[in-house]
Amino acid sequence: MNPMADQLLVLTLLLNFIVLGTSRLNLAVRAVAVQGIALALLPAIIHPFSWHLAGIVLGMLIVKGAVIPWMITGAIRKAEIKREVEPFIGFITSLITGALFTAAAFIFAQNLPLAPEHKGLLFVPASLATFMCGFLVLIARRKAISQIIGYLLLENGIFVFGLLLADAMPGMVEAGALLDLLVGIFVMGIVVNHISREFSTLDTSKLTTLREDVRP
């Protein structure tokens, strides 16, 4: 395996901790954007060149590195929020939990019955760690936009694992997964916009206090 692939996966793991440890939404978005670019370059490193592969890589670079971060940044600007305040799980605790998840991912990957060519690679532990860190962000943050960032981390973890099966995956499946991600972001953007407009807050914990006005 190309050593540059391992370097990009290590960068992916480090970016997980930036997202877990920062309260600044713009920094978290930039971290996810850089992670998306790093993951978009991985197929070009581990597979021989083809125009089909070049098209997929270019599409992922545009979507993961530019379009999605631009959409989230626009939502942050319109909602006029800059930081995640009073998360369900504190940032230090999130970092410690993320470190434990990452260590558990490496231990678990060593015990999986992987194919011989996949043993010793960082793809499986990086995939599991990124997936679990994304799930942690989803449950630990109050702001809907922060939870969208967690969803992106979670999807990136699935993408890394999918690279191990890339030889068996036709291009349409990869394009379909990317389209699903875009649709999910559009839907979440619409939801965030409506929440902000109707309730003047993106704190999801406050939505649990809503009650239906029942009149006789």
N, C-alpha and C. Protein backbone atom coordinates (compact mmCIF):
# COMPACT_ATOMS: atom_id res chain seq x y z
N MET A 1 0.85 -1.20 0.00
CA MET A 1 0.00 0.00 0.00
C MET A 1 0.88 1.25 0.00
N ASN A 2 0.48 2.23 -0.79
CA ASN A 2 1.23 3.48 -0.86
C ASN A 2 1.29 4.13 0.52
N PRO A 3 2.53 4.49 0.98
CA PRO A 3 2.63 5.12 2.31
C PRO A 3 1.88 6.44 2.40
N MET A 4 1.66 7.11 1.26
CA MET A 4 0.91 8.36 1.29
C MET A 4 -0.54 8.13 1.71
N ALA A 5 -1.07 6.94 1.38
CA ALA A 5 -2.44 6.61 1.81
C ALA A 5 -2.52 6.56 3.32
N ASP A 6 -1.50 5.95 3.96
CA ASP A 6 -1.48 5.90 5.42
C ASP A 6 -1.38 7.30 6.02
N GLN A 7 -0.62 8.17 5.36
CA GLN A 7 -0.48 9.54 5.86
C GLN A 7 -1.81 10.28 5.79
N LEU A 8 -2.56 10.07 4.72
CA LEU A 8 -3.87 10.71 4.60
C LEU A 8 -4.85 10.16 5.63
N LEU A 9 -4.75 8.88 5.94
CA LEU A 9 -5.63 8.30 6.94
C LEU A 9 -5.27 8.80 8.34
N VAL A 10 -3.97 8.97 8.61
CA VAL A 10 -3.57 9.57 9.88
C VAL A 10 -4.11 10.99 9.99
N LEU A 11 -4.03 11.75 8.88
CA LEU A 11 -4.59 13.10 8.86
C LEU A 11 -6.09 13.06 9.14
N THR A 12 -6.77 12.08 8.58
CA THR A 12 -8.20 11.92 8.82
C THR A 12 -8.49 11.72 10.31
N LEU A 13 -7.70 10.89 10.97
CA LEU A 13 -7.88 10.66 12.40
C LEU A 13 -7.63 11.93 13.21
N LEU A 14 -6.60 12.69 12.84
CA LEU A 14 -6.30 13.93 13.56
C LEU A 14 -7.42 14.95 13.39
N LEU A 15 -8.00 15.01 12.20
CA LEU A 15 -9.09 15.95 11.95
C LEU A 15 -10.33 15.59 12.76
N ASN A 16 -10.51 14.29 13.05
CA ASN A 16 -11.61 13.90 13.93
C ASN A 16 -11.50 14.61 15.28
N PHE A 17 -10.28 14.69 15.80
CA PHE A 17 -10.08 15.30 17.12
C PHE A 17 -10.28 16.82 17.07
N ILE A 18 -9.96 17.44 15.93
CA ILE A 18 -10.23 18.87 15.80
C ILE A 18 -11.72 19.14 15.90
N VAL A 19 -12.52 18.32 15.19
CA VAL A 19 -13.97 18.49 15.24
C VAL A 19 -14.50 18.24 16.66
N LEU A 20 -13.98 17.23 17.32
CA LEU A 20 -14.44 16.91 18.67
C LEU A 20 -14.05 17.98 19.69
N GLY A 21 -12.92 18.64 19.48
CA GLY A 21 -12.39 19.53 20.50
C GLY A 21 -12.65 21.00 20.33
N THR A 22 -13.28 21.40 19.21
CA THR A 22 -13.49 22.83 18.99
C THR A 22 -14.95 23.21 19.16
N SER A 23 -15.16 24.41 19.68
CA SER A 23 -16.51 24.95 19.77
C SER A 23 -16.84 25.84 18.58
N ARG A 24 -15.82 26.18 17.78
CA ARG A 24 -16.00 27.08 16.64
C ARG A 24 -16.53 26.29 15.45
N LEU A 25 -17.72 26.63 15.01
CA LEU A 25 -18.36 25.88 13.93
C LEU A 25 -17.60 26.03 12.62
N ASN A 26 -17.08 27.22 12.34
CA ASN A 26 -16.35 27.42 11.09
C ASN A 26 -15.09 26.56 11.04
N LEU A 27 -14.40 26.41 12.17
CA LEU A 27 -13.22 25.57 12.21
C LEU A 27 -13.60 24.10 11.99
N ALA A 28 -14.70 23.68 12.59
CA ALA A 28 -15.16 22.31 12.39
C ALA A 28 -15.51 22.04 10.93
N VAL A 29 -16.14 23.02 10.28
CA VAL A 29 -16.47 22.87 8.86
C VAL A 29 -15.21 22.77 8.01
N ARG A 30 -14.21 23.61 8.32
CA ARG A 30 -12.95 23.55 7.55
C ARG A 30 -12.25 22.21 7.77
N ALA A 31 -12.31 21.69 9.00
CA ALA A 31 -11.70 20.39 9.28
C ALA A 31 -12.37 19.28 8.47
N VAL A 32 -13.69 19.31 8.40
CA VAL A 32 -14.42 18.31 7.63
C VAL A 32 -14.13 18.47 6.14
N ALA A 33 -13.97 19.72 5.68
CA ALA A 33 -13.64 19.96 4.28
C ALA A 33 -12.27 19.38 3.93
N VAL A 34 -11.29 19.62 4.78
CA VAL A 34 -9.95 19.07 4.55
C VAL A 34 -10.00 17.54 4.58
N GLN A 35 -10.77 17.00 5.51
CA GLN A 35 -10.92 15.55 5.58
C GLN A 35 -11.55 15.00 4.31
N GLY A 36 -12.54 15.71 3.80
CA GLY A 36 -13.17 15.28 2.55
C GLY A 36 -12.21 15.30 1.38
N ILE A 37 -11.35 16.32 1.33
CA ILE A 37 -10.35 16.38 0.26
C ILE A 37 -9.36 15.23 0.38
N ALA A 38 -8.91 14.96 1.61
CA ALA A 38 -7.96 13.87 1.83
C ALA A 38 -8.56 12.53 1.41
N LEU A 39 -9.82 12.31 1.76
CA LEU A 39 -10.46 11.05 1.41
C LEU A 39 -10.74 10.96 -0.08
N ALA A 40 -11.01 12.09 -0.72
CA ALA A 40 -11.24 12.09 -2.16
C ALA A 40 -9.99 11.72 -2.93
N LEU A 41 -8.82 12.02 -2.36
CA LEU A 41 -7.55 11.70 -3.03
C LEU A 41 -7.15 10.24 -2.86
N LEU A 42 -7.71 9.57 -1.86
CA LEU A 42 -7.32 8.19 -1.58
C LEU A 42 -7.52 7.24 -2.77
N PRO A 43 -8.69 7.27 -3.46
CA PRO A 43 -8.86 6.35 -4.59
C PRO A 43 -7.79 6.54 -5.66
N ALA A 44 -7.36 7.78 -5.88
CA ALA A 44 -6.34 8.03 -6.90
C ALA A 44 -4.98 7.46 -6.50
N ILE A 45 -4.78 7.30 -5.19
CA ILE A 45 -3.49 6.80 -4.70
C ILE A 45 -3.45 5.27 -4.71
N ILE A 46 -4.56 4.63 -4.36
CA ILE A 46 -4.54 3.18 -4.19
C ILE A 46 -4.97 2.43 -5.45
N HIS A 47 -5.48 3.12 -6.45
CA HIS A 47 -5.92 2.46 -7.68
C HIS A 47 -5.18 3.03 -8.88
N PRO A 48 -4.96 2.22 -9.91
CA PRO A 48 -4.29 2.72 -11.13
C PRO A 48 -5.15 3.76 -11.83
N PHE A 49 -4.48 4.64 -12.56
CA PHE A 49 -5.19 5.75 -13.21
C PHE A 49 -6.14 5.26 -14.28
N SER A 50 -7.30 5.88 -14.31
CA SER A 50 -8.25 5.72 -15.41
C SER A 50 -9.09 6.98 -15.45
N TRP A 51 -9.67 7.26 -16.61
CA TRP A 51 -10.48 8.47 -16.71
C TRP A 51 -11.74 8.37 -15.86
N HIS A 52 -12.23 7.15 -15.72
CA HIS A 52 -13.38 6.93 -14.84
C HIS A 52 -13.02 7.29 -13.40
N LEU A 53 -11.86 6.82 -12.96
CA LEU A 53 -11.40 7.13 -11.61
C LEU A 53 -11.16 8.63 -11.44
N ALA A 54 -10.58 9.26 -12.46
CA ALA A 54 -10.31 10.70 -12.39
C ALA A 54 -11.61 11.48 -12.24
N GLY A 55 -12.65 11.05 -12.94
CA GLY A 55 -13.94 11.72 -12.84
C GLY A 55 -14.54 11.59 -11.45
N ILE A 56 -14.44 10.39 -10.86
CA ILE A 56 -14.96 10.18 -9.51
C ILE A 56 -14.21 11.03 -8.50
N VAL A 57 -12.87 11.04 -8.62
CA VAL A 57 -12.05 11.82 -7.68
C VAL A 57 -12.37 13.30 -7.80
N LEU A 58 -12.48 13.79 -9.04
CA LEU A 58 -12.79 15.20 -9.24
C LEU A 58 -14.16 15.55 -8.66
N GLY A 59 -15.13 14.67 -8.87
CA GLY A 59 -16.47 14.92 -8.34
C GLY A 59 -16.47 14.97 -6.81
N MET A 60 -15.73 14.05 -6.20
CA MET A 60 -15.68 14.04 -4.74
C MET A 60 -14.93 15.25 -4.19
N LEU A 61 -13.88 15.68 -4.90
CA LEU A 61 -13.15 16.88 -4.47
C LEU A 61 -14.07 18.10 -4.47
N ILE A 62 -14.88 18.21 -5.52
CA ILE A 62 -15.78 19.36 -5.64
C ILE A 62 -16.87 19.31 -4.58
N VAL A 63 -17.47 18.12 -4.42
CA VAL A 63 -18.61 17.99 -3.50
C VAL A 63 -18.15 18.04 -2.05
N LYS A 64 -17.19 17.17 -1.70
CA LYS A 64 -16.76 17.07 -0.30
C LYS A 64 -15.90 18.25 0.13
N GLY A 65 -15.08 18.77 -0.81
CA GLY A 65 -14.15 19.83 -0.43
C GLY A 65 -14.66 21.24 -0.63
N ALA A 66 -15.72 21.40 -1.45
CA ALA A 66 -16.17 22.76 -1.76
C ALA A 66 -17.67 22.95 -1.56
N VAL A 67 -18.48 22.15 -2.25
CA VAL A 67 -19.93 22.40 -2.27
C VAL A 67 -20.55 22.25 -0.88
N ILE A 68 -20.31 21.10 -0.24
CA ILE A 68 -20.93 20.86 1.07
C ILE A 68 -20.43 21.85 2.13
N PRO A 69 -19.11 22.09 2.25
CA PRO A 69 -18.66 23.11 3.21
C PRO A 69 -19.25 24.49 2.93
N TRP A 70 -19.38 24.85 1.66
CA TRP A 70 -19.97 26.15 1.30
C TRP A 70 -21.42 26.22 1.76
N MET A 71 -22.16 25.12 1.59
CA MET A 71 -23.56 25.10 2.02
C MET A 71 -23.68 25.24 3.53
N ILE A 72 -22.83 24.51 4.27
CA ILE A 72 -22.91 24.58 5.73
C ILE A 72 -22.47 25.95 6.23
N THR A 73 -21.42 26.51 5.61
CA THR A 73 -20.98 27.85 6.01
C THR A 73 -22.07 28.88 5.78
N GLY A 74 -22.80 28.74 4.67
CA GLY A 74 -23.92 29.63 4.40
C GLY A 74 -25.01 29.50 5.45
N ALA A 75 -25.28 28.25 5.88
CA ALA A 75 -26.28 28.05 6.93
C ALA A 75 -25.84 28.68 8.25
N ILE A 76 -24.54 28.57 8.55
CA ILE A 76 -24.01 29.18 9.78
C ILE A 76 -24.15 30.70 9.72
N ARG A 77 -23.86 31.27 8.58
CA ARG A 77 -23.95 32.73 8.43
C ARG A 77 -25.39 33.20 8.55
N LYS A 78 -26.31 32.49 7.93
CA LYS A 78 -27.72 32.89 7.99
C LYS A 78 -28.29 32.72 9.40
N ALA A 79 -27.85 31.68 10.08
CA ALA A 79 -28.35 31.44 11.44
C ALA A 79 -27.68 32.35 12.47
N GLU A 80 -26.59 33.01 12.04
CA GLU A 80 -25.87 33.95 12.90
C GLU A 80 -25.38 33.29 14.19
N ILE A 81 -24.78 32.11 14.03
CA ILE A 81 -24.15 31.44 15.17
C ILE A 81 -22.71 31.15 14.81
N LYS A 82 -21.84 31.21 15.80
CA LYS A 82 -20.42 30.98 15.56
C LYS A 82 -19.86 29.83 16.39
N ARG A 83 -20.47 29.54 17.52
CA ARG A 83 -19.90 28.54 18.42
C ARG A 83 -20.98 27.58 18.92
N GLU A 84 -20.52 26.39 19.26
CA GLU A 84 -21.35 25.42 19.97
C GLU A 84 -21.23 25.72 21.46
N VAL A 85 -22.34 26.10 22.07
CA VAL A 85 -22.35 26.49 23.48
C VAL A 85 -23.05 25.42 24.31
N GLU A 86 -22.43 25.05 25.42
CA GLU A 86 -23.01 24.08 26.36
C GLU A 86 -23.47 22.80 25.66
N PRO A 87 -22.53 22.06 25.08
CA PRO A 87 -22.90 20.79 24.44
C PRO A 87 -23.35 19.78 25.50
N PHE A 88 -24.03 18.74 25.06
CA PHE A 88 -24.46 17.69 25.98
C PHE A 88 -23.25 17.02 26.64
N ILE A 89 -22.19 16.82 25.87
CA ILE A 89 -20.95 16.25 26.37
C ILE A 89 -19.85 17.28 26.13
N GLY A 90 -19.11 17.66 27.17
CA GLY A 90 -18.10 18.70 27.06
C GLY A 90 -17.01 18.35 26.06
N PHE A 91 -16.26 19.36 25.65
CA PHE A 91 -15.25 19.17 24.61
C PHE A 91 -14.08 18.31 25.10
N ILE A 92 -13.64 18.52 26.33
CA ILE A 92 -12.56 17.69 26.87
C ILE A 92 -13.01 16.24 26.97
N THR A 93 -14.22 16.05 27.49
CA THR A 93 -14.77 14.69 27.59
C THR A 93 -14.92 14.07 26.21
N SER A 94 -15.33 14.88 25.23
CA SER A 94 -15.47 14.38 23.86
C SER A 94 -14.12 13.93 23.31
N LEU A 95 -13.06 14.72 23.58
CA LEU A 95 -11.73 14.34 23.11
C LEU A 95 -11.27 13.03 23.74
N ILE A 96 -11.49 12.90 25.04
CA ILE A 96 -11.09 11.67 25.72
C ILE A 96 -11.87 10.47 25.18
N THR A 97 -13.18 10.66 25.00
CA THR A 97 -14.01 9.59 24.46
C THR A 97 -13.59 9.24 23.04
N GLY A 98 -13.29 10.27 22.25
CA GLY A 98 -12.82 10.03 20.88
C GLY A 98 -11.51 9.25 20.85
N ALA A 99 -10.61 9.55 21.79
CA ALA A 99 -9.34 8.82 21.88
C ALA A 99 -9.60 7.36 22.24
N LEU A 100 -10.54 7.13 23.16
CA LEU A 100 -10.88 5.76 23.54
C LEU A 100 -11.52 5.01 22.38
N PHE A 101 -12.38 5.69 21.62
CA PHE A 101 -12.98 5.08 20.44
C PHE A 101 -11.91 4.70 19.42
N THR A 102 -10.94 5.61 19.23
CA THR A 102 -9.88 5.35 18.25
C THR A 102 -9.03 4.15 18.67
N ALA A 103 -8.68 4.11 19.95
CA ALA A 103 -7.91 2.96 20.45
C ALA A 103 -8.71 1.67 20.30
N ALA A 104 -10.00 1.72 20.62
CA ALA A 104 -10.85 0.53 20.50
C ALA A 104 -10.96 0.10 19.04
N ALA A 105 -10.98 1.07 18.11
CA ALA A 105 -11.06 0.74 16.69
C ALA A 105 -9.82 -0.03 16.23
N PHE A 106 -8.65 0.38 16.69
CA PHE A 106 -7.42 -0.32 16.32
C PHE A 106 -7.40 -1.73 16.92
N ILE A 107 -7.85 -1.87 18.16
CA ILE A 107 -7.87 -3.19 18.80
C ILE A 107 -8.87 -4.10 18.10
N PHE A 108 -10.05 -3.56 17.80
CA PHE A 108 -11.09 -4.35 17.15
C PHE A 108 -10.66 -4.77 15.74
N ALA A 109 -10.00 -3.85 15.01
CA ALA A 109 -9.57 -4.15 13.64
C ALA A 109 -8.56 -5.29 13.61
N GLN A 110 -7.73 -5.39 14.63
CA GLN A 110 -6.73 -6.45 14.68
C GLN A 110 -7.37 -7.83 14.82
N ASN A 111 -8.56 -7.88 15.38
CA ASN A 111 -9.24 -9.15 15.63
C ASN A 111 -10.26 -9.51 14.56
N LEU A 112 -10.40 -8.67 13.54
CA LEU A 112 -11.35 -8.97 12.47
C LEU A 112 -10.74 -9.97 11.49
N PRO A 113 -11.55 -10.87 10.92
CA PRO A 113 -11.05 -11.83 9.93
C PRO A 113 -10.93 -11.18 8.54
N LEU A 114 -9.96 -10.29 8.41
CA LEU A 114 -9.78 -9.56 7.16
C LEU A 114 -9.04 -10.40 6.12
N ALA A 115 -9.19 -10.01 4.87
CA ALA A 115 -8.40 -10.64 3.81
C ALA A 115 -6.92 -10.36 4.03
N PRO A 116 -6.05 -11.26 3.62
CA PRO A 116 -4.61 -11.07 3.86
C PRO A 116 -4.08 -9.73 3.36
N GLU A 117 -4.58 -9.28 2.21
CA GLU A 117 -4.07 -8.02 1.65
C GLU A 117 -4.55 -6.79 2.43
N HIS A 118 -5.55 -6.97 3.29
CA HIS A 118 -6.09 -5.84 4.05
C HIS A 118 -5.56 -5.77 5.48
N LYS A 119 -4.90 -6.83 5.93
CA LYS A 119 -4.39 -6.85 7.30
C LYS A 119 -3.21 -5.89 7.44
N GLY A 120 -3.17 -5.19 8.56
CA GLY A 120 -2.08 -4.26 8.81
C GLY A 120 -2.28 -2.88 8.21
N LEU A 121 -3.38 -2.69 7.45
CA LEU A 121 -3.65 -1.39 6.86
C LEU A 121 -4.44 -0.52 7.84
N LEU A 122 -4.40 0.79 7.61
CA LEU A 122 -5.10 1.72 8.48
C LEU A 122 -6.56 1.94 8.06
N PHE A 123 -6.97 1.36 6.95
CA PHE A 123 -8.30 1.65 6.44
C PHE A 123 -9.40 1.25 7.41
N VAL A 124 -9.33 0.04 7.95
CA VAL A 124 -10.39 -0.42 8.84
C VAL A 124 -10.42 0.36 10.16
N PRO A 125 -9.28 0.49 10.88
CA PRO A 125 -9.35 1.28 12.12
C PRO A 125 -9.70 2.74 11.89
N ALA A 126 -9.20 3.34 10.80
CA ALA A 126 -9.54 4.73 10.50
C ALA A 126 -11.02 4.86 10.20
N SER A 127 -11.57 3.88 9.48
CA SER A 127 -13.00 3.89 9.17
C SER A 127 -13.84 3.80 10.43
N LEU A 128 -13.53 2.83 11.29
CA LEU A 128 -14.30 2.63 12.52
C LEU A 128 -14.19 3.83 13.45
N ALA A 129 -12.96 4.36 13.59
CA ALA A 129 -12.76 5.51 14.48
C ALA A 129 -13.51 6.73 13.99
N THR A 130 -13.46 7.00 12.68
CA THR A 130 -14.15 8.16 12.12
C THR A 130 -15.66 8.01 12.25
N PHE A 131 -16.14 6.80 12.00
CA PHE A 131 -17.58 6.53 12.15
C PHE A 131 -18.03 6.80 13.58
N MET A 132 -17.30 6.28 14.56
CA MET A 132 -17.69 6.44 15.96
C MET A 132 -17.54 7.89 16.43
N CYS A 133 -16.51 8.59 15.93
CA CYS A 133 -16.38 10.01 16.29
C CYS A 133 -17.53 10.82 15.71
N GLY A 134 -17.94 10.50 14.50
CA GLY A 134 -19.10 11.17 13.92
C GLY A 134 -20.36 10.93 14.72
N PHE A 135 -20.55 9.69 15.15
CA PHE A 135 -21.71 9.37 15.99
C PHE A 135 -21.64 10.11 17.31
N LEU A 136 -20.43 10.23 17.86
CA LEU A 136 -20.26 10.97 19.12
C LEU A 136 -20.65 12.43 18.96
N VAL A 137 -20.25 13.06 17.85
CA VAL A 137 -20.62 14.45 17.60
C VAL A 137 -22.13 14.57 17.47
N LEU A 138 -22.76 13.60 16.83
CA LEU A 138 -24.21 13.64 16.66
C LEU A 138 -24.94 13.68 18.00
N ILE A 139 -24.48 12.89 18.96
CA ILE A 139 -25.20 12.80 20.23
C ILE A 139 -24.69 13.81 21.27
N ALA A 140 -23.51 14.40 21.02
CA ALA A 140 -22.90 15.25 22.04
C ALA A 140 -23.19 16.73 21.84
N ARG A 141 -23.65 17.14 20.67
CA ARG A 141 -23.82 18.55 20.36
C ARG A 141 -25.29 18.94 20.37
N ARG A 142 -25.54 20.19 20.72
CA ARG A 142 -26.90 20.71 20.77
C ARG A 142 -27.32 21.31 19.43
N LYS A 143 -26.41 22.02 18.77
CA LYS A 143 -26.77 22.74 17.55
C LYS A 143 -27.01 21.78 16.39
N ALA A 144 -28.06 22.05 15.62
CA ALA A 144 -28.37 21.20 14.47
C ALA A 144 -27.24 21.20 13.46
N ILE A 145 -26.56 22.35 13.28
CA ILE A 145 -25.46 22.42 12.33
C ILE A 145 -24.30 21.55 12.79
N SER A 146 -24.02 21.53 14.08
CA SER A 146 -22.97 20.65 14.61
C SER A 146 -23.31 19.19 14.35
N GLN A 147 -24.58 18.87 14.44
CA GLN A 147 -25.00 17.49 14.20
C GLN A 147 -24.86 17.13 12.72
N ILE A 148 -25.04 18.10 11.85
CA ILE A 148 -24.80 17.86 10.43
C ILE A 148 -23.32 17.54 10.21
N ILE A 149 -22.45 18.27 10.88
CA ILE A 149 -21.00 18.00 10.78
C ILE A 149 -20.71 16.59 11.27
N GLY A 150 -21.37 16.18 12.36
CA GLY A 150 -21.21 14.81 12.84
C GLY A 150 -21.66 13.79 11.82
N TYR A 151 -22.75 14.08 11.11
CA TYR A 151 -23.23 13.20 10.05
C TYR A 151 -22.19 13.07 8.95
N LEU A 152 -21.52 14.17 8.63
CA LEU A 152 -20.48 14.12 7.59
C LEU A 152 -19.30 13.25 8.03
N LEU A 153 -18.90 13.38 9.30
CA LEU A 153 -17.84 12.51 9.81
C LEU A 153 -18.25 11.05 9.71
N LEU A 154 -19.46 10.77 10.09
CA LEU A 154 -19.97 9.40 10.06
C LEU A 154 -19.94 8.86 8.63
N GLU A 155 -20.35 9.68 7.67
CA GLU A 155 -20.35 9.26 6.27
C GLU A 155 -18.94 9.05 5.75
N ASN A 156 -18.00 9.89 6.21
CA ASN A 156 -16.61 9.73 5.80
C ASN A 156 -16.05 8.40 6.30
N GLY A 157 -16.44 7.99 7.50
CA GLY A 157 -16.01 6.70 8.01
C GLY A 157 -16.51 5.56 7.14
N ILE A 158 -17.77 5.63 6.72
CA ILE A 158 -18.32 4.61 5.83
C ILE A 158 -17.59 4.61 4.50
N PHE A 159 -17.25 5.80 4.00
CA PHE A 159 -16.54 5.90 2.73
C PHE A 159 -15.18 5.23 2.79
N VAL A 160 -14.44 5.44 3.89
CA VAL A 160 -13.12 4.83 4.02
C VAL A 160 -13.23 3.31 3.98
N PHE A 161 -14.21 2.75 4.68
CA PHE A 161 -14.39 1.30 4.66
C PHE A 161 -14.76 0.82 3.26
N GLY A 162 -15.56 1.63 2.56
CA GLY A 162 -15.96 1.25 1.22
C GLY A 162 -14.81 1.18 0.24
N LEU A 163 -13.72 1.90 0.52
CA LEU A 163 -12.57 1.86 -0.38
C LEU A 163 -11.96 0.47 -0.45
N LEU A 164 -12.09 -0.31 0.63
CA LEU A 164 -11.58 -1.69 0.61
C LEU A 164 -12.35 -2.55 -0.38
N LEU A 165 -13.59 -2.16 -0.66
CA LEU A 165 -14.44 -2.93 -1.57
C LEU A 165 -14.59 -2.25 -2.92
N ALA A 166 -13.72 -1.28 -3.19
CA ALA A 166 -13.89 -0.47 -4.40
C ALA A 166 -13.78 -1.30 -5.67
N ASP A 167 -12.97 -2.35 -5.65
CA ASP A 167 -12.82 -3.18 -6.85
C ASP A 167 -14.12 -3.89 -7.21
N ALA A 168 -14.94 -4.16 -6.20
CA ALA A 168 -16.19 -4.85 -6.45
C ALA A 168 -17.37 -3.90 -6.62
N MET A 169 -17.12 -2.59 -6.44
CA MET A 169 -18.21 -1.62 -6.51
C MET A 169 -18.21 -0.92 -7.86
N PRO A 170 -19.28 -1.00 -8.62
CA PRO A 170 -19.34 -0.24 -9.86
C PRO A 170 -19.42 1.25 -9.61
N GLY A 171 -19.05 2.04 -10.61
CA GLY A 171 -19.02 3.49 -10.46
C GLY A 171 -20.36 4.08 -10.12
N MET A 172 -21.45 3.47 -10.58
CA MET A 172 -22.77 4.03 -10.30
C MET A 172 -23.10 3.93 -8.81
N VAL A 173 -22.61 2.89 -8.14
CA VAL A 173 -22.86 2.78 -6.71
C VAL A 173 -22.16 3.91 -5.97
N GLU A 174 -20.92 4.21 -6.36
CA GLU A 174 -20.18 5.30 -5.73
C GLU A 174 -20.87 6.63 -5.99
N ALA A 175 -21.30 6.85 -7.22
CA ALA A 175 -22.00 8.09 -7.55
C ALA A 175 -23.32 8.18 -6.79
N GLY A 176 -23.99 7.04 -6.64
CA GLY A 176 -25.25 7.04 -5.89
C GLY A 176 -25.05 7.38 -4.43
N ALA A 177 -23.96 6.87 -3.83
CA ALA A 177 -23.66 7.20 -2.43
C ALA A 177 -23.40 8.68 -2.28
N LEU A 178 -22.68 9.27 -3.24
CA LEU A 178 -22.39 10.69 -3.19
C LEU A 178 -23.68 11.50 -3.35
N LEU A 179 -24.58 11.02 -4.22
CA LEU A 179 -25.85 11.71 -4.40
C LEU A 179 -26.70 11.63 -3.14
N ASP A 180 -26.69 10.47 -2.47
CA ASP A 180 -27.41 10.33 -1.21
C ASP A 180 -26.90 11.34 -0.18
N LEU A 181 -25.58 11.52 -0.14
CA LEU A 181 -25.01 12.48 0.79
C LEU A 181 -25.49 13.89 0.48
N LEU A 182 -25.50 14.26 -0.79
CA LEU A 182 -25.96 15.60 -1.19
C LEU A 182 -27.42 15.80 -0.82
N VAL A 183 -28.24 14.78 -1.09
CA VAL A 183 -29.66 14.88 -0.76
C VAL A 183 -29.83 15.06 0.75
N GLY A 184 -29.05 14.29 1.53
CA GLY A 184 -29.14 14.41 2.97
C GLY A 184 -28.78 15.79 3.45
N ILE A 185 -27.74 16.37 2.86
CA ILE A 185 -27.32 17.73 3.25
C ILE A 185 -28.39 18.75 2.88
N PHE A 186 -28.99 18.61 1.68
CA PHE A 186 -30.05 19.53 1.29
C PHE A 186 -31.23 19.44 2.24
N VAL A 187 -31.63 18.22 2.58
CA VAL A 187 -32.76 18.04 3.49
C VAL A 187 -32.46 18.65 4.86
N MET A 188 -31.25 18.38 5.37
CA MET A 188 -30.89 18.92 6.68
C MET A 188 -30.78 20.44 6.63
N GLY A 189 -30.32 20.98 5.49
CA GLY A 189 -30.27 22.43 5.36
C GLY A 189 -31.64 23.06 5.41
N ILE A 190 -32.60 22.41 4.76
CA ILE A 190 -33.98 22.90 4.79
C ILE A 190 -34.54 22.83 6.21
N VAL A 191 -34.27 21.71 6.91
CA VAL A 191 -34.75 21.56 8.28
C VAL A 191 -34.16 22.63 9.18
N VAL A 192 -32.84 22.86 9.06
CA VAL A 192 -32.18 23.88 9.88
C VAL A 192 -32.78 25.25 9.61
N ASN A 193 -33.05 25.54 8.34
CA ASN A 193 -33.61 26.83 7.98
C ASN A 193 -34.99 27.02 8.60
N HIS A 194 -35.82 25.98 8.55
CA HIS A 194 -37.17 26.08 9.11
C HIS A 194 -37.12 26.17 10.63
N ILE A 195 -36.22 25.42 11.27
CA ILE A 195 -36.10 25.50 12.72
C ILE A 195 -35.71 26.91 13.15
N SER A 196 -34.71 27.46 12.43
CA SER A 196 -34.24 28.81 12.77
C SER A 196 -35.33 29.85 12.56
N ARG A 197 -36.11 29.68 11.50
CA ARG A 197 -37.16 30.66 11.19
C ARG A 197 -38.33 30.58 12.16
N GLU A 198 -38.73 29.36 12.52
CA GLU A 198 -39.94 29.18 13.32
C GLU A 198 -39.69 29.35 14.82
N PHE A 199 -38.52 28.90 15.28
CA PHE A 199 -38.29 28.83 16.72
C PHE A 199 -37.16 29.72 17.19
N SER A 200 -36.48 30.40 16.27
CA SER A 200 -35.40 31.35 16.60
C SER A 200 -34.28 30.69 17.39
N THR A 201 -34.08 29.39 17.22
CA THR A 201 -32.98 28.68 17.88
C THR A 201 -32.65 27.43 17.11
N LEU A 202 -31.37 27.04 17.18
CA LEU A 202 -30.93 25.78 16.59
C LEU A 202 -30.52 24.79 17.68
N ASP A 203 -30.87 25.11 18.92
CA ASP A 203 -30.57 24.22 20.03
C ASP A 203 -31.61 23.12 20.05
N THR A 204 -31.22 21.90 19.65
CA THR A 204 -32.20 20.82 19.53
C THR A 204 -32.77 20.40 20.88
N SER A 205 -32.05 20.67 21.96
CA SER A 205 -32.56 20.27 23.28
C SER A 205 -33.80 21.06 23.65
N LYS A 206 -33.89 22.29 23.17
CA LYS A 206 -35.04 23.13 23.51
C LYS A 206 -36.30 22.69 22.77
N LEU A 207 -36.13 21.96 21.67
CA LEU A 207 -37.30 21.53 20.92
C LEU A 207 -38.10 20.48 21.67
N THR A 208 -37.47 19.80 22.64
CA THR A 208 -38.18 18.78 23.41
C THR A 208 -39.19 19.39 24.37
N THR A 209 -39.08 20.69 24.60
CA THR A 209 -40.01 21.35 25.53
C THR A 209 -41.28 21.84 24.83
N LEU A 210 -41.34 21.68 23.51
CA LEU A 210 -42.50 22.14 22.77
C LEU A 210 -43.71 21.28 23.10
N ARG A 211 -44.85 21.86 23.17
CA ARG A 211 -46.07 21.14 23.43
C ARG A 211 -47.11 21.55 22.40
N GLU A 212 -47.93 20.59 22.03
CA GLU A 212 -49.01 20.88 21.07
C GLU A 212 -50.12 21.63 21.78
N ASP A 213 -50.56 22.67 21.14
CA ASP A 213 -51.63 23.48 21.71
C ASP A 213 -52.97 22.82 21.40
N VAL A 214 -53.55 22.14 22.38
CA VAL A 214 -54.80 21.42 22.17
C VAL A 214 -55.94 22.28 22.70
N ARG A 215 -56.86 22.57 21.85
CA ARG A 215 -58.02 23.40 22.22
C ARG A 215 -59.31 22.59 22.10
N PRO A 216 -60.20 22.80 23.01
CA PRO A 216 -61.48 22.06 22.96
C PRO A 216 -62.32 22.50 21.76
